[in-house]
Amino acid sequence: MTLVPELMVKRSALNQHLRSLCRTLVAYSGGTDSAFLAWACHQELGSDMLAVIADSPSLARFQLEDAVAFAREHDIPLEIIRTEELDRPEYVRNDSSRCFHCKDELFTVIEGFSGARGFQTIAYGVNLDDKSDFRPGQVAASKHRVAAPLLEAGLAKKEIRDLAREAGLRIWDKPASACLSSRIEYGQPVTTAALSAVEQGEDYLRGLGFRQFRVRHHGQIVRIEIAREEMNRAFTSEMAAEFTRVFKSLGFKFVTLDLEGFRSGSMNTLLAPDQIAAPLPINKFA
């Protein structure tokens, strides 16, 4: 594909910014944004960069394996580290600040790793669209002074996908996928059992050939979101019976299919406006 001039200017700005970072660790998840950032950083910095992916029960095995495979395909140096967010009571209680505590754990661990390896910069894949969404993890990134090269270049999510496609990267149209904990209703504790039920349910839907979906955990109720363009396959008596059989075997008492279809961040609609407006005492990190 041919890039529009404005996007070519942004790509040039990104490259220039990456070259200014010196030795850099990229917080890598395998999603389109972080994968493109890791690839671009490797293109500009070579051996002076390292992608780091955090392994924990909140990362689906499918996502970990695909992230490792992508890095291997492009010779991007990668290390897997361990994070222990489930040891943090403030994370397990799963209120509106959960994502902050997750990213605080991540960047704390990466900082220790960075210092031991002699890296000067930590970067992550936040983009322009993320700034308009409810993402407490960005507060943690600010606390730890994590660089945001894609945001600095003014890149939005679609533009990152276009750049990835132009570069021939297979992840250009990879479905968005947040951590497994984001599937659990706020106020329901994050447990390994709940995470496992979500992961097994999503593996099952993937195995059926669905591409964009979420398994939302509401205690005894599972709410299945499937992209609108794929929902016709779900609206059959046979599929309903299969959904019921599988999800009840995973421990749910009631199995529901969300008629609005897949939408990213739907759990945030359960939050009160004041929880979204001020999820954390941000000034304590200034």
Protein backbone atom coordinates (compact mmCIF):
# COMPACT_ATOMS: atom_id res chain seq x y z
CA MET A 1 0.00 0.00 0.00
CA THR A 2 1.03 3.63 -0.53
CA LEU A 3 1.21 5.80 2.57
CA VAL A 4 -0.35 9.25 2.51
CA PRO A 5 2.20 12.10 2.92
CA GLU A 6 1.01 12.95 6.43
CA LEU A 7 1.61 9.39 7.60
CA MET A 8 5.04 9.32 5.96
CA VAL A 9 5.94 12.45 7.96
CA LYS A 10 4.78 10.77 11.17
CA ARG A 11 6.77 7.64 10.38
CA SER A 12 9.88 9.77 9.82
CA ALA A 13 9.27 11.53 13.14
CA LEU A 14 8.91 8.17 14.88
CA ASN A 15 12.20 6.91 13.45
CA GLN A 16 13.99 10.08 14.49
CA HIS A 17 12.56 9.84 18.00
CA LEU A 18 13.54 6.19 18.35
CA ARG A 19 17.13 6.96 17.33
CA SER A 20 17.31 9.50 20.15
CA LEU A 21 16.40 7.00 22.87
CA CYS A 22 19.76 5.22 23.25
CA ARG A 23 19.54 1.72 24.75
CA THR A 24 15.84 0.92 25.06
CA LEU A 25 13.60 -1.72 26.58
CA VAL A 26 10.20 -2.06 24.91
CA ALA A 27 7.31 -3.24 27.06
CA TYR A 28 5.91 -5.79 24.63
CA SER A 29 2.60 -7.65 24.68
CA GLY A 30 2.36 -8.91 21.11
CA GLY A 31 -0.58 -6.66 20.22
CA THR A 32 -0.38 -4.55 17.08
CA ASP A 33 0.84 -1.38 18.81
CA SER A 34 3.60 -2.90 20.94
CA ALA A 35 4.64 -5.32 18.19
CA PHE A 36 4.99 -2.52 15.65
CA LEU A 37 6.90 -0.42 18.20
CA ALA A 38 9.28 -3.30 18.97
CA TRP A 39 9.84 -3.91 15.24
CA ALA A 40 10.43 -0.22 14.49
CA CYS A 41 12.72 0.14 17.47
CA HIS A 42 14.74 -2.85 16.34
CA GLN A 43 14.98 -1.37 12.84
CA GLU A 44 16.47 1.84 14.25
CA LEU A 45 18.48 0.65 17.26
CA GLY A 46 19.45 -2.93 16.40
CA SER A 47 21.16 -4.59 19.34
CA ASP A 48 20.60 -1.49 21.49
CA MET A 49 16.98 -2.52 22.06
CA LEU A 50 15.28 -5.42 23.79
CA ALA A 51 11.63 -6.38 23.87
CA VAL A 52 10.38 -7.57 27.26
CA ILE A 53 7.13 -9.45 27.74
CA ALA A 54 5.65 -10.01 31.19
CA ASP A 55 4.32 -13.48 31.88
CA SER A 56 1.62 -13.93 34.52
CA PRO A 57 -1.78 -15.64 34.88
CA SER A 58 -3.42 -12.59 33.28
CA LEU A 59 -1.64 -13.22 29.96
CA ALA A 60 -3.31 -15.86 27.79
CA ARG A 61 -1.00 -18.64 26.61
CA PHE A 62 -2.21 -18.04 23.05
CA GLN A 63 -1.11 -14.41 23.22
CA LEU A 64 2.26 -15.27 24.75
CA GLU A 65 3.01 -17.89 22.11
CA ASP A 66 2.02 -15.56 19.26
CA ALA A 67 4.10 -12.70 20.69
CA VAL A 68 7.16 -14.92 20.96
CA ALA A 69 6.60 -16.19 17.42
CA PHE A 70 6.36 -12.65 15.98
CA ALA A 71 9.59 -11.60 17.67
CA ARG A 72 11.32 -14.70 16.36
CA GLU A 73 10.05 -14.07 12.82
CA HIS A 74 11.73 -10.65 12.77
CA ASP A 75 14.82 -11.45 14.87
CA ILE A 76 13.67 -9.02 17.55
CA PRO A 77 15.58 -9.76 20.77
CA LEU A 78 13.09 -10.79 23.42
CA GLU A 79 13.14 -11.78 27.07
CA ILE A 80 10.27 -13.10 29.15
CA ILE A 81 10.06 -11.77 32.70
CA ARG A 82 7.68 -12.65 35.51
CA THR A 83 5.29 -10.20 37.14
CA GLU A 84 3.32 -10.89 40.32
CA GLU A 85 0.32 -8.56 40.14
CA LEU A 86 -1.85 -11.25 41.78
CA ASP A 87 0.24 -10.77 44.93
CA ARG A 88 -1.05 -7.20 45.17
CA PRO A 89 -4.33 -6.98 47.16
CA GLU A 90 -5.17 -3.68 45.46
CA TYR A 91 -5.00 -5.45 42.09
CA VAL A 92 -6.98 -8.52 43.18
CA ARG A 93 -9.86 -6.43 44.57
CA ASN A 94 -10.46 -5.27 40.98
CA ASP A 95 -11.78 -1.76 41.36
CA SER A 96 -11.45 0.96 38.72
CA SER A 97 -7.72 1.36 39.47
CA ARG A 98 -6.82 -2.27 38.69
CA CYS A 99 -5.04 -1.39 35.45
CA PHE A 100 -2.87 1.12 37.31
CA HIS A 101 -1.67 -1.53 39.77
CA CYS A 102 -1.03 -3.96 36.92
CA LYS A 103 1.13 -1.47 35.02
CA ASP A 104 2.81 -0.29 38.22
CA GLU A 105 3.90 -3.87 38.87
CA LEU A 106 5.03 -4.25 35.25
CA PHE A 107 7.11 -1.09 35.12
CA THR A 108 8.57 -1.68 38.60
CA VAL A 109 9.83 -5.10 37.48
CA ILE A 110 11.07 -3.73 34.14
CA GLU A 111 12.93 -0.91 35.92
CA GLY A 112 14.84 -3.45 37.99
CA PHE A 113 15.58 -5.48 34.88
CA SER A 114 16.62 -2.35 32.99
CA GLY A 115 19.06 -1.22 35.66
CA ALA A 116 20.70 -4.63 35.81
CA ARG A 117 21.15 -4.70 32.01
CA GLY A 118 22.27 -1.10 31.51
CA PHE A 119 19.33 0.21 29.49
CA GLN A 120 18.56 3.92 29.65
CA THR A 121 14.96 4.02 28.39
CA ILE A 122 11.73 2.06 28.82
CA ALA A 123 9.12 2.54 26.10
CA TYR A 124 5.57 1.31 25.60
CA GLY A 125 2.98 1.34 22.82
CA VAL A 126 0.40 3.89 23.91
CA ASN A 127 -1.05 5.81 20.96
CA LEU A 128 -3.14 8.89 20.25
CA ASP A 129 -6.48 7.07 20.51
CA ASP A 130 -5.59 5.69 23.94
CA LYS A 131 -5.49 9.21 25.37
CA SER A 132 -9.24 9.56 24.90
CA ASP A 133 -10.04 6.25 26.61
CA PHE A 134 -10.20 5.27 30.29
CA ARG A 135 -6.75 3.78 30.85
CA PRO A 136 -5.36 4.10 34.41
CA GLY A 137 -2.24 2.25 33.26
CA GLN A 138 -1.12 5.47 31.61
CA VAL A 139 -0.86 7.03 35.08
CA ALA A 140 1.55 4.25 36.07
CA ALA A 141 3.58 4.87 32.91
CA SER A 142 3.86 8.56 33.83
CA LYS A 143 4.90 7.65 37.37
CA HIS A 144 7.74 5.52 36.01
CA ARG A 145 8.62 8.04 33.26
CA VAL A 146 8.06 5.53 30.47
CA ALA A 147 8.60 6.85 26.94
CA ALA A 148 5.69 6.81 24.46
CA PRO A 149 7.24 6.98 20.96
CA LEU A 150 4.02 6.26 19.04
CA LEU A 151 2.20 8.99 20.93
CA GLU A 152 5.12 11.41 20.48
CA ALA A 153 4.84 10.86 16.72
CA GLY A 154 1.11 11.60 16.85
CA LEU A 155 0.12 8.14 15.61
CA ALA A 156 -3.44 6.88 15.99
CA LYS A 157 -4.36 3.19 16.06
CA LYS A 158 -5.45 2.99 12.42
CA GLU A 159 -2.26 4.71 11.31
CA ILE A 160 -0.17 2.18 13.24
CA ARG A 161 -2.06 -0.63 11.52
CA ASP A 162 -1.43 1.05 8.15
CA LEU A 163 2.28 1.35 8.87
CA ALA A 164 2.44 -2.27 9.99
CA ARG A 165 0.64 -3.37 6.85
CA GLU A 166 2.96 -1.31 4.64
CA ALA A 167 5.93 -2.98 6.37
CA GLY A 168 4.49 -6.44 5.66
CA LEU A 169 3.93 -7.29 9.33
CA ARG A 170 1.27 -9.95 9.85
CA ILE A 171 0.05 -8.30 13.03
CA TRP A 172 -1.32 -5.29 11.13
CA ASP A 173 -4.91 -6.59 11.45
CA LYS A 174 -4.53 -8.63 14.63
CA PRO A 175 -7.68 -8.34 16.77
CA ALA A 176 -7.26 -6.14 19.82
CA SER A 177 -6.85 -8.09 23.03
CA ALA A 178 -6.36 -6.66 26.51
CA CYS A 179 -5.26 -8.79 29.45
CA LEU A 180 -7.55 -11.50 30.79
CA SER A 181 -8.28 -9.50 33.95
CA SER A 182 -10.10 -6.88 31.87
CA ARG A 183 -12.80 -9.49 31.23
CA ILE A 184 -13.74 -9.73 34.93
CA GLU A 185 -16.47 -7.41 36.20
CA TYR A 186 -15.21 -4.62 38.46
CA GLY A 187 -15.72 -5.65 42.09
CA GLN A 188 -15.36 -9.36 41.36
CA PRO A 189 -11.95 -10.50 42.68
CA VAL A 190 -9.30 -11.39 40.12
CA THR A 191 -8.44 -15.02 40.80
CA THR A 192 -6.53 -17.67 38.88
CA ALA A 193 -9.77 -19.66 38.61
CA ALA A 194 -11.64 -16.75 37.00
CA LEU A 195 -8.74 -16.00 34.65
CA SER A 196 -8.57 -19.66 33.65
CA ALA A 197 -12.30 -19.81 32.91
CA VAL A 198 -12.03 -16.73 30.68
CA GLU A 199 -8.96 -18.05 28.90
CA GLN A 200 -10.49 -21.49 28.28
CA GLY A 201 -13.71 -19.89 27.04
CA GLU A 202 -11.86 -17.64 24.60
CA ASP A 203 -9.70 -20.53 23.38
CA TYR A 204 -12.93 -22.41 22.70
CA LEU A 205 -14.44 -19.53 20.69
CA ARG A 206 -11.20 -19.18 18.74
CA GLY A 207 -11.29 -22.88 17.99
CA LEU A 208 -14.79 -22.47 16.55
CA GLY A 209 -13.38 -19.94 14.09
CA PHE A 210 -14.62 -16.72 15.68
CA ARG A 211 -12.09 -13.92 15.28
CA GLN A 212 -13.12 -10.93 17.40
CA PHE A 213 -14.78 -11.67 20.73
CA ARG A 214 -14.64 -11.36 24.50
CA VAL A 215 -15.70 -13.64 27.33
CA ARG A 216 -16.95 -11.31 30.07
CA HIS A 217 -16.98 -12.80 33.58
CA HIS A 218 -19.85 -11.58 35.80
CA GLY A 219 -19.58 -14.10 38.63
CA GLN A 220 -22.12 -16.84 37.89
CA ILE A 221 -22.98 -15.23 34.55
CA VAL A 222 -20.84 -15.27 31.42
CA ARG A 223 -21.55 -12.57 28.82
CA ILE A 224 -20.19 -13.52 25.40
CA GLU A 225 -19.42 -10.68 23.02
CA ILE A 226 -18.89 -11.52 19.34
CA ALA A 227 -18.22 -9.04 16.55
CA ARG A 228 -21.43 -8.02 14.74
CA GLU A 229 -20.20 -9.30 11.40
CA GLU A 230 -19.71 -12.75 12.96
CA MET A 231 -22.88 -12.91 15.05
CA ASN A 232 -25.04 -14.75 12.50
CA ARG A 233 -22.97 -17.86 13.18
CA ALA A 234 -23.79 -17.57 16.87
CA PHE A 235 -27.55 -17.20 16.36
CA THR A 236 -28.40 -20.85 15.85
CA SER A 237 -29.97 -23.31 18.26
CA GLU A 238 -27.01 -25.65 17.74
CA MET A 239 -24.48 -22.97 18.65
CA ALA A 240 -26.55 -21.89 21.64
CA ALA A 241 -26.57 -25.45 22.94
CA GLU A 242 -22.81 -25.73 22.41
CA PHE A 243 -22.12 -22.41 24.18
CA THR A 244 -24.28 -23.55 27.09
CA ARG A 245 -22.56 -26.91 27.37
CA VAL A 246 -19.02 -25.52 27.29
CA PHE A 247 -19.45 -22.47 29.50
CA LYS A 248 -21.42 -24.34 32.14
CA SER A 249 -18.59 -26.87 32.22
CA LEU A 250 -16.29 -23.93 33.03
CA GLY A 251 -18.34 -23.13 36.13
CA PHE A 252 -20.85 -20.54 34.95
CA LYS A 253 -24.49 -20.95 36.00
CA PHE A 254 -25.94 -18.74 33.26
CA VAL A 255 -24.71 -18.32 29.68
CA THR A 256 -25.62 -15.16 27.74
CA LEU A 257 -24.83 -13.76 24.29
CA ASP A 258 -24.56 -9.95 24.25
CA LEU A 259 -26.84 -8.59 21.51
CA GLU A 260 -24.72 -5.43 21.13
CA GLY A 261 -21.80 -7.53 19.98
CA PHE A 262 -18.12 -7.02 20.66
CA ARG A 263 -16.94 -3.63 21.86
CA SER A 264 -13.66 -2.87 23.50
CA GLY A 265 -13.83 -1.70 27.12
CA SER A 266 -17.49 -2.56 27.67
CA MET A 267 -16.82 -3.27 31.35
CA ASN A 268 -16.09 0.45 31.81
CA THR A 269 -19.79 1.20 31.28
CA LEU A 270 -20.35 -0.25 34.76
CA LEU A 271 -18.24 2.48 36.35
CA ALA A 272 -19.72 5.65 37.82
CA PRO A 273 -18.60 8.90 36.14
CA ASP A 274 -16.57 9.94 39.19
CA GLN A 275 -14.63 6.64 39.07
CA ILE A 276 -13.63 7.32 35.48
CA ALA A 277 -12.88 11.00 36.06
CA ALA A 278 -10.54 10.42 39.01
CA PRO A 279 -9.60 6.75 39.39
CA LEU A 280 -6.43 7.55 41.34
CA PRO A 281 -4.91 10.28 43.50
CA ILE A 282 -2.63 11.21 40.61
CA ASN A 283 -0.88 14.09 42.37
CA LYS A 284 0.86 11.71 44.78
CA PHE A 285 3.00 10.52 41.88
CA ALA A 286 4.09 13.96 40.70
